[in-house]
Amino acid sequence: MIELAVDLPAGSIRPVITAPDPVLSAICEEVDPADPAVVQLAADLLATMDVSPGCVGLAANQVGVGWRVFCLDVGSHPKTRTCHGRFVLVNPRIEQASRNEKAREGCMSIPDFTGDVKRATRLTVSGRLPISGEMVTFSTDAFEARAIQHEVDHLDGMVFLDRVMSAAAVHRRKVYLD
C-alpha cells in the first residue's frame, strides 16, 4: 500500500462553515503543497476532523479557506472496505471512476440533513502530499471512494445536496439521545 501519512505540525481546531456560506460554492484554487500556510492548514484540517464526532473527511473550504486541500480517515467507519489510513491530499484529481451506486451521505457543513447520492464505488485519485509535494496516485473502493468524491466535490464548489436526484432523496438527520 502507498504511504500517505506525513508528519505535520500540531494543528489548531477551526470552526466548520455551514451552508449557505458562499465559500462552500466557490471553486477552490490549486496551491503549493510545500507552502508553510498549506502545511499548517493540513494540520488544522486533521485536528478539526479529529474533534468532530462522526467526521471522516474535511475540505479546506469547510473551514473557510478556498484551497484545494482535504483530509480523510475512514478507518473507523463500518462501511469501509479499503482504507489508506489518515491522510491529506493537496490539489487532488479523480483520474478514473466506475461502478456507480446510490447511498446516504451527510456533511458537517449541512448539519440538519442527509441525502441519497449516486457515486462511483471504485476510483483512482491523484494528488500531492503536504510538505514534500510528492505526487501520489492510488485506487480505492466502497466507502473510501465515496468519501474522496464527497471531499473533491467540496473543492469544486459543490455539496452533496447538489447531487441528490430529487427532494425525496433529502432526509432530516436523525438525532440520537444518550
C-alpha atoms as a PDB file:
ATOM      1  CA  MET A   1       0.000   0.000   0.000  1.00  0.00           C
ATOM      2  CA  ILE A   2       1.187   3.514  -0.789  1.00  0.00           C
ATOM      3  CA  GLU A   3       2.330   5.614   2.210  1.00  0.00           C
ATOM      4  CA  LEU A   4       0.113   8.700   2.535  1.00  0.00           C
ATOM      5  CA  ALA A   5       0.801   9.704   6.143  1.00  0.00           C
ATOM      6  CA  VAL A   6       3.139  12.646   6.727  1.00  0.00           C
ATOM      7  CA  ASP A   7       4.436  14.276   9.905  1.00  0.00           C
ATOM      8  CA  LEU A   8       2.641  17.573  10.261  1.00  0.00           C
ATOM      9  CA  PRO A   9       2.979  20.267  12.928  1.00  0.00           C
ATOM     10  CA  ALA A  10       0.386  20.475  15.696  1.00  0.00           C
ATOM     11  CA  GLY A  11      -2.925  21.662  14.314  1.00  0.00           C
ATOM     12  CA  SER A  12      -5.495  24.100  15.603  1.00  0.00           C
ATOM     13  CA  ILE A  13      -9.202  23.400  15.654  1.00  0.00           C
ATOM     14  CA  ARG A  14     -11.071  25.667  13.246  1.00  0.00           C
ATOM     15  CA  PRO A  15     -14.806  26.389  13.128  1.00  0.00           C
ATOM     16  CA  VAL A  16     -16.669  24.495  10.404  1.00  0.00           C
ATOM     17  CA  ILE A  17     -18.533  26.671   7.894  1.00  0.00           C
ATOM     18  CA  THR A  18     -22.161  25.753   7.181  1.00  0.00           C
ATOM     19  CA  ALA A  19     -24.395  26.330   4.156  1.00  0.00           C
ATOM     20  CA  PRO A  20     -25.325  28.732   2.663  1.00  0.00           C
ATOM     21  CA  ASP A  21     -21.916  30.386   3.194  1.00  0.00           C
ATOM     22  CA  PRO A  22     -20.612  31.356  -0.288  1.00  0.00           C
ATOM     23  CA  VAL A  23     -17.169  29.811   0.373  1.00  0.00           C
ATOM     24  CA  LEU A  24     -18.845  26.393   0.016  1.00  0.00           C
ATOM     25  CA  SER A  25     -19.982  27.132  -3.543  1.00  0.00           C
ATOM     26  CA  ALA A  26     -16.709  28.634  -4.777  1.00  0.00           C
ATOM     27  CA  ILE A  27     -14.205  26.563  -6.750  1.00  0.00           C
ATOM     28  CA  CYS A  28     -11.010  26.222  -4.712  1.00  0.00           C
ATOM     29  CA  GLU A  29      -7.574  27.222  -6.021  1.00  0.00           C
ATOM     30  CA  GLU A  30      -4.584  24.935  -6.510  1.00  0.00           C
ATOM     31  CA  VAL A  31      -1.777  25.615  -4.045  1.00  0.00           C
ATOM     32  CA  ASP A  32       1.866  24.754  -3.389  1.00  0.00           C
ATOM     33  CA  PRO A  33       1.871  21.733  -1.019  1.00  0.00           C
ATOM     34  CA  ALA A  34       5.205  22.854   0.492  1.00  0.00           C
ATOM     35  CA  ASP A  35       3.951  26.353   1.378  1.00  0.00           C
ATOM     36  CA  PRO A  36       4.038  26.650   5.203  1.00  0.00           C
ATOM     37  CA  ALA A  37       0.474  28.028   5.209  1.00  0.00           C
ATOM     38  CA  VAL A  38      -0.734  24.950   3.299  1.00  0.00           C
ATOM     39  CA  VAL A  39       1.150  22.622   5.673  1.00  0.00           C
ATOM     40  CA  GLN A  40      -0.466  24.364   8.668  1.00  0.00           C
ATOM     41  CA  LEU A  41      -3.892  24.142   7.029  1.00  0.00           C
ATOM     42  CA  ALA A  42      -3.354  20.389   6.525  1.00  0.00           C
ATOM     43  CA  ALA A  43      -2.593  20.013  10.241  1.00  0.00           C
ATOM     44  CA  ASP A  44      -5.604  22.151  11.184  1.00  0.00           C
ATOM     45  CA  LEU A  45      -7.923  20.078   8.977  1.00  0.00           C
ATOM     46  CA  LEU A  46      -6.806  16.879  10.719  1.00  0.00           C
ATOM     47  CA  ALA A  47      -7.163  18.455  14.176  1.00  0.00           C
ATOM     48  CA  THR A  48     -10.659  19.708  13.339  1.00  0.00           C
ATOM     49  CA  MET A  49     -11.696  16.340  11.891  1.00  0.00           C
ATOM     50  CA  ASP A  50     -10.383  14.550  14.998  1.00  0.00           C
ATOM     51  CA  VAL A  51     -12.647  16.504  17.381  1.00  0.00           C
ATOM     52  CA  SER A  52     -15.738  16.271  15.166  1.00  0.00           C
ATOM     53  CA  PRO A  53     -17.852  13.203  16.028  1.00  0.00           C
ATOM     54  CA  GLY A  54     -18.567  11.001  13.014  1.00  0.00           C
ATOM     55  CA  CYS A  55     -16.409  13.098  10.687  1.00  0.00           C
ATOM     56  CA  VAL A  56     -14.378  11.067   8.163  1.00  0.00           C
ATOM     57  CA  GLY A  57     -13.198  13.918   5.938  1.00  0.00           C
ATOM     58  CA  LEU A  58     -12.916  17.665   5.738  1.00  0.00           C
ATOM     59  CA  ALA A  59     -12.188  20.033   2.841  1.00  0.00           C
ATOM     60  CA  ALA A  60     -10.369  23.354   3.179  1.00  0.00           C
ATOM     61  CA  ASN A  61     -13.385  25.447   2.199  1.00  0.00           C
ATOM     62  CA  GLN A  62     -15.326  23.866   5.058  1.00  0.00           C
ATOM     63  CA  VAL A  63     -13.033  25.830   7.387  1.00  0.00           C
ATOM     64  CA  GLY A  64     -13.263  28.947   5.208  1.00  0.00           C
ATOM     65  CA  VAL A  65     -10.136  28.508   3.051  1.00  0.00           C
ATOM     66  CA  GLY A  66     -10.554  28.347  -0.743  1.00  0.00           C
ATOM     67  CA  TRP A  67      -7.623  25.996  -1.420  1.00  0.00           C
ATOM     68  CA  ARG A  68      -7.652  22.520  -2.985  1.00  0.00           C
ATOM     69  CA  VAL A  69      -6.786  20.560   0.166  1.00  0.00           C
ATOM     70  CA  PHE A  70      -8.727  17.870   2.044  1.00  0.00           C
ATOM     71  CA  CYS A  71      -8.121  15.318   4.790  1.00  0.00           C
ATOM     72  CA  LEU A  72      -9.650  11.873   5.162  1.00  0.00           C
ATOM     73  CA  ASP A  73      -9.719   8.943   7.566  1.00  0.00           C
ATOM     74  CA  VAL A  74     -12.429   6.322   7.043  1.00  0.00           C
ATOM     75  CA  GLY A  75     -10.716   3.710   9.224  1.00  0.00           C
ATOM     76  CA  SER A  76     -13.410   3.605  11.899  1.00  0.00           C
ATOM     77  CA  HIS A  77     -16.428   3.670   9.578  1.00  0.00           C
ATOM     78  CA  PRO A  78     -18.329   0.349   9.398  1.00  0.00           C
ATOM     79  CA  LYS A  79     -18.841   0.521   5.601  1.00  0.00           C
ATOM     80  CA  THR A  80     -15.097   0.814   4.907  1.00  0.00           C
ATOM     81  CA  ARG A  81     -13.561  -1.954   2.838  1.00  0.00           C
ATOM     82  CA  THR A  82     -10.325  -0.369   1.619  1.00  0.00           C
ATOM     83  CA  CYS A  83      -8.599   2.180   3.847  1.00  0.00           C
ATOM     84  CA  HIS A  84      -5.452   4.180   3.119  1.00  0.00           C
ATOM     85  CA  GLY A  85      -5.360   5.483   6.687  1.00  0.00           C
ATOM     86  CA  ARG A  86      -5.345   9.079   7.795  1.00  0.00           C
ATOM     87  CA  PHE A  87      -4.101  11.417   5.076  1.00  0.00           C
ATOM     88  CA  VAL A  88      -4.185  14.846   3.458  1.00  0.00           C
ATOM     89  CA  LEU A  89      -4.186  15.422  -0.304  1.00  0.00           C
ATOM     90  CA  VAL A  90      -3.320  18.723  -1.971  1.00  0.00           C
ATOM     91  CA  ASN A  91      -4.632  19.530  -5.475  1.00  0.00           C
ATOM     92  CA  PRO A  92      -6.446  16.174  -5.767  1.00  0.00           C
ATOM     93  CA  ARG A  93      -7.841  14.929  -9.040  1.00  0.00           C
ATOM     94  CA  ILE A  94     -10.083  11.954  -9.730  1.00  0.00           C
ATOM     95  CA  GLU A  95      -8.407  10.093 -12.569  1.00  0.00           C
ATOM     96  CA  GLN A  96     -10.891   7.273 -13.062  1.00  0.00           C
ATOM     97  CA  ALA A  97     -14.270   6.360 -11.584  1.00  0.00           C
ATOM     98  CA  SER A  98     -16.653   3.457 -12.189  1.00  0.00           C
ATOM     99  CA  ARG A  99     -19.491   1.302 -10.861  1.00  0.00           C
ATOM    100  CA  ASN A 100     -21.992   3.869  -9.600  1.00  0.00           C
ATOM    101  CA  GLU A 101     -24.119   3.144  -6.557  1.00  0.00           C
ATOM    102  CA  LYS A 102     -26.595   5.198  -4.520  1.00  0.00           C
ATOM    103  CA  ALA A 103     -26.024   5.649  -0.773  1.00  0.00           C
ATOM    104  CA  ARG A 104     -26.849   8.057   2.050  1.00  0.00           C
ATOM    105  CA  GLU A 105     -24.414  10.896   2.829  1.00  0.00           C
ATOM    106  CA  GLY A 106     -24.147  13.555   5.484  1.00  0.00           C
ATOM    107  CA  CYS A 107     -21.888  16.575   5.890  1.00  0.00           C
ATOM    108  CA  MET A 108     -20.720  18.779   8.735  1.00  0.00           C
ATOM    109  CA  SER A 109     -21.479  21.828   6.582  1.00  0.00           C
ATOM    110  CA  ILE A 110     -25.124  20.719   6.224  1.00  0.00           C
ATOM    111  CA  PRO A 111     -25.785  19.515   9.764  1.00  0.00           C
ATOM    112  CA  ASP A 112     -29.568  19.057   9.602  1.00  0.00           C
ATOM    113  CA  PHE A 113     -29.908  16.845   6.507  1.00  0.00           C
ATOM    114  CA  THR A 114     -28.615  13.726   4.784  1.00  0.00           C
ATOM    115  CA  GLY A 115     -29.186  12.715   1.182  1.00  0.00           C
ATOM    116  CA  ASP A 116     -29.104   9.789  -1.220  1.00  0.00           C
ATOM    117  CA  VAL A 117     -26.275  10.379  -3.700  1.00  0.00           C
ATOM    118  CA  LYS A 118     -25.093   8.249  -6.622  1.00  0.00           C
ATOM    119  CA  ARG A 119     -21.293   7.950  -6.708  1.00  0.00           C
ATOM    120  CA  ALA A 120     -18.630   5.667  -8.131  1.00  0.00           C
ATOM    121  CA  THR A 121     -17.706   2.714  -5.917  1.00  0.00           C
ATOM    122  CA  ARG A 122     -14.262   2.347  -7.493  1.00  0.00           C
ATOM    123  CA  LEU A 123     -11.923   5.181  -8.253  1.00  0.00           C
ATOM    124  CA  THR A 124      -8.347   6.247  -8.835  1.00  0.00           C
ATOM    125  CA  VAL A 125      -7.258   9.570  -7.372  1.00  0.00           C
ATOM    126  CA  SER A 126      -4.036  11.539  -7.581  1.00  0.00           C
ATOM    127  CA  GLY A 127      -2.749  14.452  -5.556  1.00  0.00           C
ATOM    128  CA  ARG A 128       0.264  15.836  -3.765  1.00  0.00           C
ATOM    129  CA  LEU A 129       1.306  15.235  -0.186  1.00  0.00           C
ATOM    130  CA  PRO A 130       1.816  18.254   2.062  1.00  0.00           C
ATOM    131  CA  ILE A 131       5.423  19.234   2.887  1.00  0.00           C
ATOM    132  CA  SER A 132       7.221  17.096   0.253  1.00  0.00           C
ATOM    133  CA  GLY A 133       4.843  17.784  -2.620  1.00  0.00           C
ATOM    134  CA  GLU A 134       5.270  14.136  -3.666  1.00  0.00           C
ATOM    135  CA  MET A 135       2.702  13.140  -6.300  1.00  0.00           C
ATOM    136  CA  VAL A 136       0.729  10.046  -5.289  1.00  0.00           C
ATOM    137  CA  THR A 137      -1.852   8.051  -7.204  1.00  0.00           C
ATOM    138  CA  PHE A 138      -3.903   5.272  -5.681  1.00  0.00           C
ATOM    139  CA  SER A 139      -7.061   3.274  -6.245  1.00  0.00           C
ATOM    140  CA  THR A 140      -9.777   2.611  -3.715  1.00  0.00           C
ATOM    141  CA  ASP A 141     -13.356   1.416  -3.436  1.00  0.00           C
ATOM    142  CA  ALA A 142     -16.541   1.382  -1.391  1.00  0.00           C
ATOM    143  CA  PHE A 143     -16.843   3.968   1.386  1.00  0.00           C
ATOM    144  CA  GLU A 144     -13.371   5.464   0.952  1.00  0.00           C
ATOM    145  CA  ALA A 145     -14.131   6.109  -2.739  1.00  0.00           C
ATOM    146  CA  ARG A 146     -17.418   7.805  -1.779  1.00  0.00           C
ATOM    147  CA  ALA A 147     -15.737   9.963   0.873  1.00  0.00           C
ATOM    148  CA  ILE A 148     -12.995  11.108  -1.523  1.00  0.00           C
ATOM    149  CA  GLN A 149     -15.595  12.111  -4.135  1.00  0.00           C
ATOM    150  CA  HIS A 150     -17.546  13.992  -1.458  1.00  0.00           C
ATOM    151  CA  GLU A 151     -14.430  15.984  -0.464  1.00  0.00           C
ATOM    152  CA  VAL A 152     -13.375  16.673  -4.077  1.00  0.00           C
ATOM    153  CA  ASP A 153     -16.902  17.945  -4.725  1.00  0.00           C
ATOM    154  CA  HIS A 154     -16.390  20.458  -1.900  1.00  0.00           C
ATOM    155  CA  LEU A 155     -13.218  21.682  -3.603  1.00  0.00           C
ATOM    156  CA  ASP A 156     -15.222  22.056  -6.830  1.00  0.00           C
ATOM    157  CA  GLY A 157     -17.796  24.234  -5.030  1.00  0.00           C
ATOM    158  CA  MET A 158     -20.450  21.549  -4.581  1.00  0.00           C
ATOM    159  CA  VAL A 159     -22.159  19.989  -1.575  1.00  0.00           C
ATOM    160  CA  PHE A 160     -23.948  16.636  -1.564  1.00  0.00           C
ATOM    161  CA  LEU A 161     -27.335  18.386  -1.931  1.00  0.00           C
ATOM    162  CA  ASP A 162     -26.179  19.459  -5.414  1.00  0.00           C
ATOM    163  CA  ARG A 163     -26.028  15.760  -6.356  1.00  0.00           C
ATOM    164  CA  VAL A 164     -29.296  14.371  -4.965  1.00  0.00           C
ATOM    165  CA  MET A 165     -31.745  13.188  -7.620  1.00  0.00           C
ATOM    166  CA  SER A 166     -34.854  14.851  -6.121  1.00  0.00           C
ATOM    167  CA  ALA A 167     -36.283  16.420  -2.990  1.00  0.00           C
ATOM    168  CA  ALA A 168     -37.444  12.931  -1.957  1.00  0.00           C
ATOM    169  CA  ALA A 169     -33.765  11.940  -1.674  1.00  0.00           C
ATOM    170  CA  VAL A 170     -33.156  14.520   1.097  1.00  0.00           C
ATOM    171  CA  HIS A 171     -33.800  13.426   4.692  1.00  0.00           C
ATOM    172  CA  ARG A 172     -33.808  15.150   8.077  1.00  0.00           C
ATOM    173  CA  ARG A 173     -30.770  13.987  10.039  1.00  0.00           C
ATOM    174  CA  LYS A 174     -31.699  11.669  12.899  1.00  0.00           C
ATOM    175  CA  VAL A 175     -30.681  12.823  16.349  1.00  0.00           C
ATOM    176  CA  TYR A 176     -29.837  10.098  18.839  1.00  0.00           C
ATOM    177  CA  LEU A 177     -30.138  10.866  22.544  1.00  0.00           C
ATOM    178  CA  ASP A 178     -27.857   9.260  25.103  1.00  0.00           C
END
